[in-house]
């Protein structure tokens, strides 16, 4: 059955006996993950978590219902987390809901599944499930999330600084949490001795300065300059930079190019399309952005955004493998841009 945020939060905090599956999906995967942690807290620190994924359940559809009905050898509580998953896990979810016994709660985290997904339809319709969709927070909602994250760390975050953080991170909860965590550590904040966040501290740690540092890499990748890209990547590796952190500036630029390209395709006037972007295009970057818009058509830049999203997810799951995935995707994008330059 469908649940709103308040309903799913209350249920995760005190899991009802008649709910076998908490189904969390939607474009804000960080939001779904944050919700799943409520069940983790409710089950207690000594509870055993069983981790499964869609590929495992596709190969063994009975595994989920078996785990849900299992009893710990030591009598501890058990719960099951399934992530990622999609319609390939439908037989396993059906088996769970049809099983005679299933005492261990299951939380499943999916991404932005289509409304026509059979898995989504089942989760919304079945009385033994609670399904909640998470949308990427915007505006004041995103600001309040940043303030809430800060409060848990003992950091009092004024609204203007919360807005800066949400704008810098594009409202991504995981990235917001990272920025707030750095700020709390910098100010030595803790729940037992709260500290007021300051603009000076945020300036010292701000992702804005990082975006300036990786600006040459962004331009090299989206401009198809392979030599410059390899040089910039080498410099970042020497500094020990986590490759996942460079993706947000790249995604921001790719989204900017996509918006300008869409305007250009309608009007046929590139200069006007760039002007319509306003302050999003810094004056000294106009020539570079103009060249990049010419390199990428609407379909091409859409594929870039998709690739960067996949690379970001990979970077979160494994540091070493994620770094390799990020580098591979950047090389693929830069090569395509280089081919467009040569055409």
Protein backbone atom coordinates (compact mmCIF):
# COMPACT_ATOMS: atom_id res chain seq x y z
CA UNK A 1 0.00 0.00 0.00
CA UNK A 2 1.06 3.54 -0.66
CA UNK A 3 2.50 5.52 2.25
CA UNK A 4 3.52 9.14 2.63
CA UNK A 5 6.71 10.17 4.37
CA UNK A 6 5.15 10.50 7.83
CA UNK A 7 3.45 7.12 7.59
CA UNK A 8 6.57 5.29 6.42
CA UNK A 9 8.71 6.94 9.09
CA UNK A 10 6.36 5.87 11.87
CA UNK A 11 6.17 2.33 10.50
CA UNK A 12 9.95 2.01 10.16
CA UNK A 13 10.42 3.31 13.70
CA UNK A 14 8.04 0.63 15.04
CA UNK A 15 7.60 -2.09 12.37
CA UNK A 16 4.00 -3.42 12.33
CA UNK A 17 3.72 -7.20 12.49
CA UNK A 18 1.47 -7.31 9.41
CA UNK A 19 3.96 -5.49 7.13
CA UNK A 20 6.45 -7.81 5.45
CA UNK A 21 8.03 -5.37 3.00
CA UNK A 22 9.00 -1.72 3.17
CA UNK A 23 9.50 -0.68 -0.46
CA UNK A 24 11.48 2.56 -0.86
CA UNK A 25 11.93 3.86 -4.38
CA UNK A 26 12.21 7.02 -6.46
CA UNK A 27 14.87 9.34 -7.87
CA UNK A 28 16.20 10.36 -4.43
CA UNK A 29 18.06 7.17 -3.55
CA UNK A 30 19.87 8.97 -0.73
CA UNK A 31 16.47 9.75 0.78
CA UNK A 32 15.43 6.11 0.53
CA UNK A 33 18.67 5.03 2.20
CA UNK A 34 18.09 7.56 4.99
CA UNK A 35 14.61 6.11 5.56
CA UNK A 36 15.98 2.56 5.71
CA UNK A 37 18.28 3.57 8.56
CA UNK A 38 15.20 4.19 10.70
CA UNK A 39 14.43 0.47 10.54
CA UNK A 40 18.05 -0.29 11.41
CA UNK A 41 17.76 1.85 14.54
CA UNK A 42 14.40 0.31 15.43
CA UNK A 43 15.79 -3.23 15.22
CA UNK A 44 18.63 -2.36 17.59
CA UNK A 45 22.41 -2.48 17.53
CA UNK A 46 22.51 -6.24 18.16
CA UNK A 47 20.16 -7.16 15.33
CA UNK A 48 21.60 -9.10 12.40
CA UNK A 49 21.22 -7.50 8.99
CA UNK A 50 21.07 -9.77 5.95
CA UNK A 51 22.07 -8.03 2.71
CA UNK A 52 20.74 -9.17 -0.65
CA UNK A 53 20.47 -7.64 -4.12
CA UNK A 54 18.29 -7.96 -7.18
CA UNK A 55 20.72 -10.14 -9.10
CA UNK A 56 20.87 -12.66 -6.24
CA UNK A 57 17.08 -12.80 -5.98
CA UNK A 58 16.73 -13.22 -9.74
CA UNK A 59 18.87 -16.36 -9.59
CA UNK A 60 17.25 -17.63 -6.38
CA UNK A 61 13.70 -16.25 -5.98
CA UNK A 62 13.05 -18.36 -2.86
CA UNK A 63 16.01 -16.87 -0.98
CA UNK A 64 14.14 -13.80 0.24
CA UNK A 65 11.16 -15.62 1.73
CA UNK A 66 13.52 -18.18 3.31
CA UNK A 67 15.56 -15.45 4.99
CA UNK A 68 12.41 -13.64 6.12
CA UNK A 69 11.19 -16.80 7.87
CA UNK A 70 14.56 -17.83 9.33
CA UNK A 71 15.43 -17.72 13.03
CA UNK A 72 18.82 -16.66 14.31
CA UNK A 73 20.88 -19.41 15.97
CA UNK A 74 21.48 -17.07 18.89
CA UNK A 75 17.95 -15.72 19.13
CA UNK A 76 18.91 -12.21 17.98
CA UNK A 77 16.59 -10.08 15.89
CA UNK A 78 17.08 -10.24 12.13
CA UNK A 79 16.09 -7.97 9.28
CA UNK A 80 16.80 -7.94 5.56
CA UNK A 81 17.96 -5.14 3.29
CA UNK A 82 17.70 -5.54 -0.49
CA UNK A 83 19.53 -3.05 -2.70
CA UNK A 84 19.66 -2.43 -5.56
CA UNK A 85 16.71 -4.11 -7.20
CA UNK A 86 14.28 -3.76 -10.07
CA UNK A 87 11.66 -5.85 -11.82
CA UNK A 88 14.11 -8.77 -11.97
CA UNK A 89 13.27 -9.33 -8.29
CA UNK A 90 9.50 -9.54 -8.86
CA UNK A 91 9.25 -13.36 -8.41
CA UNK A 92 11.20 -13.12 -5.14
CA UNK A 93 8.95 -10.33 -3.82
CA UNK A 94 5.85 -12.30 -4.82
CA UNK A 95 7.19 -15.35 -2.98
CA UNK A 96 7.80 -13.25 0.13
CA UNK A 97 4.26 -11.88 0.13
CA UNK A 98 2.71 -15.29 -0.52
CA UNK A 99 4.78 -17.19 2.08
CA UNK A 100 3.01 -18.72 5.04
CA UNK A 101 5.49 -17.27 7.55
CA UNK A 102 7.80 -14.23 7.34
CA UNK A 103 8.77 -12.81 10.70
CA UNK A 104 11.85 -10.76 9.74
CA UNK A 105 11.08 -7.35 8.19
CA UNK A 106 12.42 -6.58 4.73
CA UNK A 107 13.36 -3.16 3.41
CA UNK A 108 13.97 -2.90 -0.34
CA UNK A 109 15.66 0.15 -1.88
CA UNK A 110 15.06 0.77 -5.57
CA UNK A 111 15.82 3.70 -7.82
CA UNK A 112 13.59 5.69 -10.13
CA UNK A 113 11.42 2.86 -11.42
CA UNK A 114 8.75 3.65 -14.01
CA UNK A 115 5.12 3.87 -12.97
CA UNK A 116 4.43 0.90 -15.24
CA UNK A 117 6.87 -1.29 -13.27
CA UNK A 118 5.19 -4.51 -12.13
CA UNK A 119 7.23 -4.34 -8.94
CA UNK A 120 5.95 -0.85 -8.12
CA UNK A 121 2.37 -1.87 -8.86
CA UNK A 122 2.64 -4.90 -6.58
CA UNK A 123 4.17 -2.87 -3.76
CA UNK A 124 1.47 -0.21 -4.02
CA UNK A 125 -1.40 -2.68 -4.14
CA UNK A 126 -0.48 -5.36 -1.60
CA UNK A 127 -1.69 -4.91 1.99
CA UNK A 128 1.47 -6.50 3.45
CA UNK A 129 3.72 -3.82 1.97
CA UNK A 130 4.32 -0.14 2.56
CA UNK A 131 5.67 1.71 -0.46
CA UNK A 132 7.02 5.25 -0.38
CA UNK A 133 8.54 7.27 -3.21
CA UNK A 134 11.37 9.71 -2.48
CA UNK A 135 11.77 12.77 -4.68
CA UNK A 136 14.90 14.89 -4.78
CA UNK A 137 14.28 17.68 -2.25
CA UNK A 138 14.17 21.25 -3.51
CA UNK A 139 14.00 24.73 -2.02
CA UNK A 140 13.00 24.97 1.62
CA UNK A 141 12.54 21.20 1.92
CA UNK A 142 16.20 20.67 1.00
CA UNK A 143 17.28 23.44 3.38
CA UNK A 144 15.40 21.80 6.25
CA UNK A 145 17.07 18.47 5.52
CA UNK A 146 20.50 20.12 5.72
CA UNK A 147 19.52 21.79 9.00
CA UNK A 148 18.29 18.45 10.37
CA UNK A 149 21.51 16.66 9.41
CA UNK A 150 23.51 19.42 11.11
CA UNK A 151 21.38 19.26 14.27
CA UNK A 152 22.15 15.57 14.72
CA UNK A 153 25.87 16.42 14.65
CA UNK A 154 25.56 19.24 17.16
CA UNK A 155 25.80 21.97 14.53
CA UNK A 156 23.38 24.90 14.46
CA UNK A 157 23.04 25.74 10.77
CA UNK A 158 21.49 29.13 9.93
CA UNK A 159 19.02 29.15 6.99
CA UNK A 160 21.33 31.13 4.70
CA UNK A 161 24.16 28.62 5.15
CA UNK A 162 21.73 25.72 4.70
CA UNK A 163 20.68 27.24 1.38
CA UNK A 164 24.30 27.55 0.27
CA UNK A 165 24.95 23.90 1.07
CA UNK A 166 21.86 22.68 -0.79
CA UNK A 167 22.77 24.78 -3.82
CA UNK A 168 26.35 23.52 -3.80
CA UNK A 169 25.24 19.90 -3.63
CA UNK A 170 22.20 20.09 -5.88
CA UNK A 171 19.97 18.86 -3.04
CA UNK A 172 21.65 15.42 -2.96
CA UNK A 173 21.28 14.17 0.63
CA UNK A 174 24.49 12.16 0.60
CA UNK A 175 26.51 15.12 -0.63
CA UNK A 176 24.74 17.46 1.82
CA UNK A 177 25.62 15.08 4.65
CA UNK A 178 29.24 15.07 3.52
CA UNK A 179 29.45 18.87 3.47
CA UNK A 180 27.75 19.22 6.85
CA UNK A 181 29.95 16.51 8.37
CA UNK A 182 33.10 18.32 7.22
CA UNK A 183 31.77 21.56 8.69
CA UNK A 184 30.96 19.89 12.02
CA UNK A 185 34.45 18.37 12.23
CA UNK A 186 36.06 21.69 11.31
CA UNK A 187 34.17 23.48 14.12
CA UNK A 188 34.57 20.58 16.58
CA UNK A 189 30.80 20.33 16.99
CA UNK A 190 29.14 17.47 18.83
CA UNK A 191 25.64 16.76 20.17
CA UNK A 192 26.85 17.30 23.73
CA UNK A 193 28.33 20.73 22.92
CA UNK A 194 26.54 22.32 19.92
CA UNK A 195 28.34 24.94 17.85
CA UNK A 196 27.01 27.68 15.59
CA UNK A 197 28.06 27.30 11.95
CA UNK A 198 29.63 30.36 10.38
CA UNK A 199 30.03 31.63 6.84
CA UNK A 200 33.79 31.88 7.41
CA UNK A 201 34.02 28.18 8.23
CA UNK A 202 31.91 27.21 5.25
CA UNK A 203 34.02 29.39 2.99
CA UNK A 204 37.13 27.58 4.18
CA UNK A 205 35.65 24.19 3.33
CA UNK A 206 33.25 25.10 0.56
CA UNK A 207 32.75 22.89 -2.44
CA UNK A 208 32.89 26.13 -4.48
CA UNK A 209 36.67 26.25 -4.07
CA UNK A 210 36.85 22.58 -5.05
CA UNK A 211 34.85 23.28 -8.22
CA UNK A 212 37.41 25.94 -9.13
CA UNK A 213 40.20 23.41 -8.59
CA UNK A 214 38.60 20.82 -10.87
CA UNK A 215 37.41 23.36 -13.44
CA UNK A 216 40.25 22.50 -15.85
CA UNK A 217 39.31 18.81 -15.61
CA UNK A 218 35.64 19.58 -16.29
CA UNK A 219 36.59 21.55 -19.39
CA UNK A 220 39.04 18.89 -20.57
CA UNK A 221 36.49 16.08 -20.28
CA UNK A 222 33.53 17.89 -21.84
CA UNK A 223 35.76 19.61 -24.37
CA UNK A 224 37.45 16.43 -25.56
CA UNK A 225 41.01 17.37 -24.58
CA UNK A 226 42.39 13.93 -23.69
CA UNK A 227 45.93 15.10 -22.95
CA UNK A 228 44.74 17.76 -20.52
CA UNK A 229 42.31 15.30 -18.91
CA UNK A 230 45.06 12.77 -18.16
CA UNK A 231 47.27 15.54 -16.77
CA UNK A 232 44.52 16.83 -14.45
CA UNK A 233 43.63 13.32 -13.28
CA UNK A 234 47.27 12.61 -12.47
CA UNK A 235 47.43 15.74 -10.33
CA UNK A 236 44.29 14.77 -8.43
CA UNK A 237 45.63 11.27 -7.78
CA UNK A 238 48.83 12.73 -6.33
CA UNK A 239 46.69 14.72 -3.88
CA UNK A 240 44.77 11.55 -2.96
CA UNK A 241 41.45 12.93 -4.23
CA UNK A 242 38.50 10.55 -4.10
CA UNK A 243 37.42 10.36 -7.73
CA UNK A 244 33.77 10.33 -6.71
CA UNK A 245 34.05 13.91 -5.44
CA UNK A 246 34.83 15.31 -8.89
CA UNK A 247 31.54 14.11 -10.35
CA UNK A 248 29.28 16.82 -8.91
CA UNK A 249 31.08 19.68 -10.75
CA UNK A 250 30.94 17.61 -13.94
CA UNK A 251 27.23 16.91 -13.46
CA UNK A 252 26.54 20.58 -12.79
CA UNK A 253 28.26 21.58 -16.04
CA UNK A 254 26.54 18.79 -18.00
CA UNK A 255 23.13 19.91 -16.73
CA UNK A 256 23.97 23.49 -17.68
CA UNK A 257 24.93 22.39 -21.20
CA UNK A 258 21.71 20.37 -21.48
CA UNK A 259 19.58 23.38 -20.53
CA UNK A 260 21.39 25.71 -22.90
CA UNK A 261 21.25 23.15 -25.70
CA UNK A 262 17.49 22.75 -25.25
CA UNK A 263 17.03 26.52 -25.47
CA UNK A 264 19.34 26.70 -28.49
CA UNK A 265 17.46 23.91 -30.32
CA UNK A 266 14.22 25.86 -29.91
CA UNK A 267 15.45 29.37 -30.73
CA UNK A 268 18.35 28.64 -33.08
CA UNK A 269 20.32 31.42 -31.36
CA UNK A 270 23.23 30.15 -29.29
CA UNK A 271 24.27 33.52 -27.86
CA UNK A 272 20.73 34.15 -26.64
CA UNK A 273 20.51 30.66 -25.16
CA UNK A 274 23.69 31.26 -23.18
CA UNK A 275 22.48 34.67 -22.03
CA UNK A 276 19.24 33.09 -20.84
CA UNK A 277 21.28 30.94 -18.44
CA UNK A 278 22.13 34.12 -16.55
CA UNK A 279 24.64 33.87 -13.71
CA UNK A 280 24.94 30.11 -14.17
CA UNK A 281 27.54 30.94 -16.85
CA UNK A 282 30.40 32.96 -15.37
CA UNK A 283 31.54 35.67 -17.77
CA UNK A 284 35.03 34.24 -18.21
CA UNK A 285 33.59 30.79 -19.02
CA UNK A 286 31.24 31.92 -21.82
CA UNK A 287 33.61 31.07 -24.67
CA UNK A 288 34.35 27.62 -23.20
CA UNK A 289 30.68 26.87 -22.55
CA UNK A 290 29.82 27.99 -26.09
CA UNK A 291 32.31 25.53 -27.57
CA UNK A 292 31.00 22.72 -25.38
CA UNK A 293 27.37 23.35 -26.34
CA UNK A 294 28.37 23.06 -29.99
CA UNK A 295 30.04 19.70 -29.32
CA UNK A 296 27.07 18.05 -27.60
CA UNK A 297 23.59 17.66 -29.07
CA UNK A 298 20.60 16.95 -26.81
CA UNK A 299 20.93 13.16 -27.00
CA UNK A 300 24.67 13.26 -26.46
CA UNK A 301 24.56 15.40 -23.33
CA UNK A 302 21.71 13.27 -21.97
CA UNK A 303 23.96 10.21 -22.28
CA UNK A 304 26.74 12.10 -20.50
CA UNK A 305 24.43 12.89 -17.58
CA UNK A 306 23.36 9.24 -17.41
CA UNK A 307 26.97 8.03 -17.44
CA UNK A 308 27.99 10.45 -14.69
CA UNK A 309 25.06 9.29 -12.58
CA UNK A 310 26.10 5.66 -12.98
CA UNK A 311 29.68 6.56 -12.09
CA UNK A 312 28.53 8.40 -8.95
CA UNK A 313 26.59 5.38 -7.75
CA UNK A 314 29.60 3.15 -8.38
CA UNK A 315 31.90 5.51 -6.49
CA UNK A 316 29.71 5.21 -3.39
CA UNK A 317 29.68 1.41 -3.38
CA UNK A 318 33.43 0.83 -3.52
CA UNK A 319 36.33 3.27 -3.29
CA UNK A 320 38.84 1.41 -5.48
CA UNK A 321 36.42 -0.08 -8.01
CA UNK A 322 34.46 3.17 -7.98
CA UNK A 323 37.55 5.21 -8.87
CA UNK A 324 38.23 2.90 -11.81
CA UNK A 325 34.61 3.25 -12.96
CA UNK A 326 34.77 7.05 -12.72
CA UNK A 327 37.99 7.21 -14.72
CA UNK A 328 36.55 4.88 -17.37
CA UNK A 329 33.43 7.01 -17.77
CA UNK A 330 35.41 10.25 -17.98
CA UNK A 331 37.61 8.74 -20.67
CA UNK A 332 34.56 7.57 -22.64
CA UNK A 333 32.97 11.03 -22.46
CA UNK A 334 36.20 12.82 -23.41
CA UNK A 335 36.78 10.51 -26.39
CA UNK A 336 33.28 11.20 -27.69
CA UNK A 337 33.86 14.95 -27.36
CA UNK A 338 37.18 14.58 -29.16
CA UNK A 339 35.43 12.75 -32.05
CA UNK A 340 32.89 15.58 -32.26
CA UNK A 341 35.72 18.13 -32.36
CA UNK A 342 37.38 16.27 -35.22
CA UNK A 343 34.14 15.87 -37.21
